[in-house]
Amino acid sequence: MNDDALDRATEDAQTVLTLLPDMEASAQEWVQVELILSTAMQTAIDQRDASALITATRDVKDLTGAYHGPARIGEQPPGPPPQPVLERIPKLMEKIGRLQSTPRA
């Protein structure tokens, strides 16, 4: 993918990361989000892989953006992101910022 694709991918990832603290998901979904942020998104940024970053960002959106409706009996209602997710956001934002300011060959 070209630099334009990477620029669009990083902008979309920044938007999702900025909105993430206000999103809600189930505890199990937050575990998945944390895993995506710590592996797939981190690796995509490190490798400047626009396609992988688009996929990781879409996966986070899918887990946190849908309306869950009322919880069924025995289910936990959706809640805000746990601390480990919140702590990872600024680190990823910083990496994306460095990526965007890196001169391209």
C-alpha atoms as a PDB file:
ATOM      1  CA  MET A   1       0.000   0.000   0.000  1.00  0.00           C
ATOM      2  CA  ASN A   2       1.117   3.520  -0.611  1.00  0.00           C
ATOM      3  CA  ASP A   3       1.721   6.400   1.762  1.00  0.00           C
ATOM      4  CA  ASP A   4      -1.800   7.759   1.207  1.00  0.00           C
ATOM      5  CA  ALA A   5      -3.272   4.470   2.410  1.00  0.00           C
ATOM      6  CA  LEU A   6      -1.038   4.558   5.473  1.00  0.00           C
ATOM      7  CA  ASP A   7      -2.050   8.167   6.165  1.00  0.00           C
ATOM      8  CA  ARG A   8      -5.749   7.260   5.984  1.00  0.00           C
ATOM      9  CA  ALA A   9      -5.194   4.182   8.150  1.00  0.00           C
ATOM     10  CA  THR A  10      -3.359   6.156  10.842  1.00  0.00           C
ATOM     11  CA  GLU A  11      -6.004   8.907  10.830  1.00  0.00           C
ATOM     12  CA  ASP A  12      -8.776   6.348  11.274  1.00  0.00           C
ATOM     13  CA  ALA A  13      -6.845   4.595  14.051  1.00  0.00           C
ATOM     14  CA  GLN A  14      -6.294   7.929  15.833  1.00  0.00           C
ATOM     15  CA  THR A  15     -10.010   8.705  15.628  1.00  0.00           C
ATOM     16  CA  VAL A  16     -10.951   5.331  17.109  1.00  0.00           C
ATOM     17  CA  LEU A  17      -8.318   5.591  19.842  1.00  0.00           C
ATOM     18  CA  THR A  18      -9.541   9.095  20.724  1.00  0.00           C
ATOM     19  CA  LEU A  19     -13.138   7.898  21.031  1.00  0.00           C
ATOM     20  CA  LEU A  20     -12.306   4.640  22.808  1.00  0.00           C
ATOM     21  CA  PRO A  21     -12.492   5.995  26.391  1.00  0.00           C
ATOM     22  CA  ASP A  22     -16.151   6.935  25.799  1.00  0.00           C
ATOM     23  CA  MET A  23     -17.148   3.599  24.276  1.00  0.00           C
ATOM     24  CA  GLU A  24     -18.765   0.679  26.036  1.00  0.00           C
ATOM     25  CA  ALA A  25     -18.327  -3.040  25.615  1.00  0.00           C
ATOM     26  CA  SER A  26     -18.665  -6.216  27.650  1.00  0.00           C
ATOM     27  CA  ALA A  27     -15.776  -7.386  29.806  1.00  0.00           C
ATOM     28  CA  GLN A  28     -14.996 -10.136  27.289  1.00  0.00           C
ATOM     29  CA  GLU A  29     -14.972  -7.630  24.434  1.00  0.00           C
ATOM     30  CA  TRP A  30     -12.593  -5.343  26.330  1.00  0.00           C
ATOM     31  CA  VAL A  31     -10.226  -8.294  26.752  1.00  0.00           C
ATOM     32  CA  GLN A  32     -10.318  -8.753  22.971  1.00  0.00           C
ATOM     33  CA  VAL A  33      -9.804  -5.018  22.385  1.00  0.00           C
ATOM     34  CA  GLU A  34      -6.778  -4.998  24.681  1.00  0.00           C
ATOM     35  CA  LEU A  35      -5.325  -7.963  22.799  1.00  0.00           C
ATOM     36  CA  ILE A  36      -5.874  -6.232  19.438  1.00  0.00           C
ATOM     37  CA  LEU A  37      -4.284  -3.010  20.683  1.00  0.00           C
ATOM     38  CA  SER A  38      -1.280  -4.781  22.194  1.00  0.00           C
ATOM     39  CA  THR A  39      -0.604  -7.114  19.280  1.00  0.00           C
ATOM     40  CA  ALA A  40      -2.230  -6.430  15.916  1.00  0.00           C
ATOM     41  CA  MET A  41      -2.360  -2.635  16.092  1.00  0.00           C
ATOM     42  CA  GLN A  42       1.065  -2.348  17.709  1.00  0.00           C
ATOM     43  CA  THR A  43       2.632  -4.591  15.066  1.00  0.00           C
ATOM     44  CA  ALA A  44       0.851  -2.811  12.198  1.00  0.00           C
ATOM     45  CA  ILE A  45       2.190   0.544  13.381  1.00  0.00           C
ATOM     46  CA  ASP A  46       5.708  -0.805  13.925  1.00  0.00           C
ATOM     47  CA  GLN A  47       5.749  -2.348  10.436  1.00  0.00           C
ATOM     48  CA  ARG A  48       4.004   0.595   8.718  1.00  0.00           C
ATOM     49  CA  ASP A  49       1.428  -1.902   7.458  1.00  0.00           C
ATOM     50  CA  ALA A  50      -1.642   0.063   6.371  1.00  0.00           C
ATOM     51  CA  SER A  51      -3.721  -3.037   5.603  1.00  0.00           C
ATOM     52  CA  ALA A  52      -3.060  -4.594   9.012  1.00  0.00           C
ATOM     53  CA  LEU A  53      -3.759  -1.271  10.737  1.00  0.00           C
ATOM     54  CA  ILE A  54      -7.069  -0.945   8.879  1.00  0.00           C
ATOM     55  CA  THR A  55      -8.022  -4.469   9.965  1.00  0.00           C
ATOM     56  CA  ALA A  56      -7.058  -3.905  13.609  1.00  0.00           C
ATOM     57  CA  THR A  57      -8.937  -0.605  13.712  1.00  0.00           C
ATOM     58  CA  ARG A  58     -12.028  -2.187  12.152  1.00  0.00           C
ATOM     59  CA  ASP A  59     -11.892  -5.034  14.691  1.00  0.00           C
ATOM     60  CA  VAL A  60     -11.804  -2.540  17.574  1.00  0.00           C
ATOM     61  CA  LYS A  61     -14.737  -0.634  16.043  1.00  0.00           C
ATOM     62  CA  ASP A  62     -16.702  -3.861  15.647  1.00  0.00           C
ATOM     63  CA  LEU A  63     -16.196  -4.769  19.298  1.00  0.00           C
ATOM     64  CA  THR A  64     -16.988  -1.349  20.757  1.00  0.00           C
ATOM     65  CA  GLY A  65     -19.260   0.414  18.301  1.00  0.00           C
ATOM     66  CA  ALA A  66     -22.313  -1.789  18.184  1.00  0.00           C
ATOM     67  CA  TYR A  67     -25.362  -1.274  20.358  1.00  0.00           C
ATOM     68  CA  HIS A  68     -25.573  -4.220  22.699  1.00  0.00           C
ATOM     69  CA  GLY A  69     -29.116  -3.729  23.947  1.00  0.00           C
ATOM     70  CA  PRO A  70     -30.217  -4.662  27.436  1.00  0.00           C
ATOM     71  CA  ALA A  71     -28.201  -7.367  29.099  1.00  0.00           C
ATOM     72  CA  ARG A  72     -29.800 -10.756  29.435  1.00  0.00           C
ATOM     73  CA  ILE A  73     -30.115 -12.305  32.858  1.00  0.00           C
ATOM     74  CA  GLY A  74     -26.666 -13.422  33.905  1.00  0.00           C
ATOM     75  CA  GLU A  75     -24.884 -11.145  31.449  1.00  0.00           C
ATOM     76  CA  GLN A  76     -22.876  -8.173  32.531  1.00  0.00           C
ATOM     77  CA  PRO A  77     -24.030  -4.944  30.925  1.00  0.00           C
ATOM     78  CA  PRO A  78     -21.547  -3.116  28.702  1.00  0.00           C
ATOM     79  CA  GLY A  79     -19.167  -0.837  30.526  1.00  0.00           C
ATOM     80  CA  PRO A  80     -16.317   1.588  29.930  1.00  0.00           C
ATOM     81  CA  PRO A  81     -12.833   0.429  29.013  1.00  0.00           C
ATOM     82  CA  PRO A  82     -10.699  -1.028  31.799  1.00  0.00           C
ATOM     83  CA  GLN A  83      -7.500   0.661  32.924  1.00  0.00           C
ATOM     84  CA  PRO A  84      -5.134  -1.484  30.804  1.00  0.00           C
ATOM     85  CA  VAL A  85      -6.952  -0.353  27.632  1.00  0.00           C
ATOM     86  CA  LEU A  86      -6.905   3.280  28.740  1.00  0.00           C
ATOM     87  CA  GLU A  87      -3.173   3.079  29.505  1.00  0.00           C
ATOM     88  CA  ARG A  88      -2.387   1.661  26.070  1.00  0.00           C
ATOM     89  CA  ILE A  89      -4.143   4.473  24.143  1.00  0.00           C
ATOM     90  CA  PRO A  90      -1.563   7.258  24.677  1.00  0.00           C
ATOM     91  CA  LYS A  91       1.294   4.894  23.838  1.00  0.00           C
ATOM     92  CA  LEU A  92      -0.300   3.963  20.533  1.00  0.00           C
ATOM     93  CA  MET A  93      -1.189   7.586  19.785  1.00  0.00           C
ATOM     94  CA  GLU A  94       2.444   8.551  20.347  1.00  0.00           C
ATOM     95  CA  LYS A  95       3.660   5.794  18.012  1.00  0.00           C
ATOM     96  CA  ILE A  96       1.193   6.891  15.347  1.00  0.00           C
ATOM     97  CA  GLY A  97       2.336  10.490  15.764  1.00  0.00           C
ATOM     98  CA  ARG A  98       5.955   9.458  15.263  1.00  0.00           C
ATOM     99  CA  LEU A  99       4.955   7.373  12.268  1.00  0.00           C
ATOM    100  CA  GLN A 100       3.199  10.329  10.679  1.00  0.00           C
ATOM    101  CA  SER A 101       6.188  12.613  11.235  1.00  0.00           C
ATOM    102  CA  THR A 102       8.678  10.097   9.800  1.00  0.00           C
ATOM    103  CA  PRO A 103      10.007  11.138   6.395  1.00  0.00           C
ATOM    104  CA  ARG A 104       9.187   8.619   3.705  1.00  0.00           C
ATOM    105  CA  ALA A 105      11.599   7.375   1.098  1.00  0.00           C
END
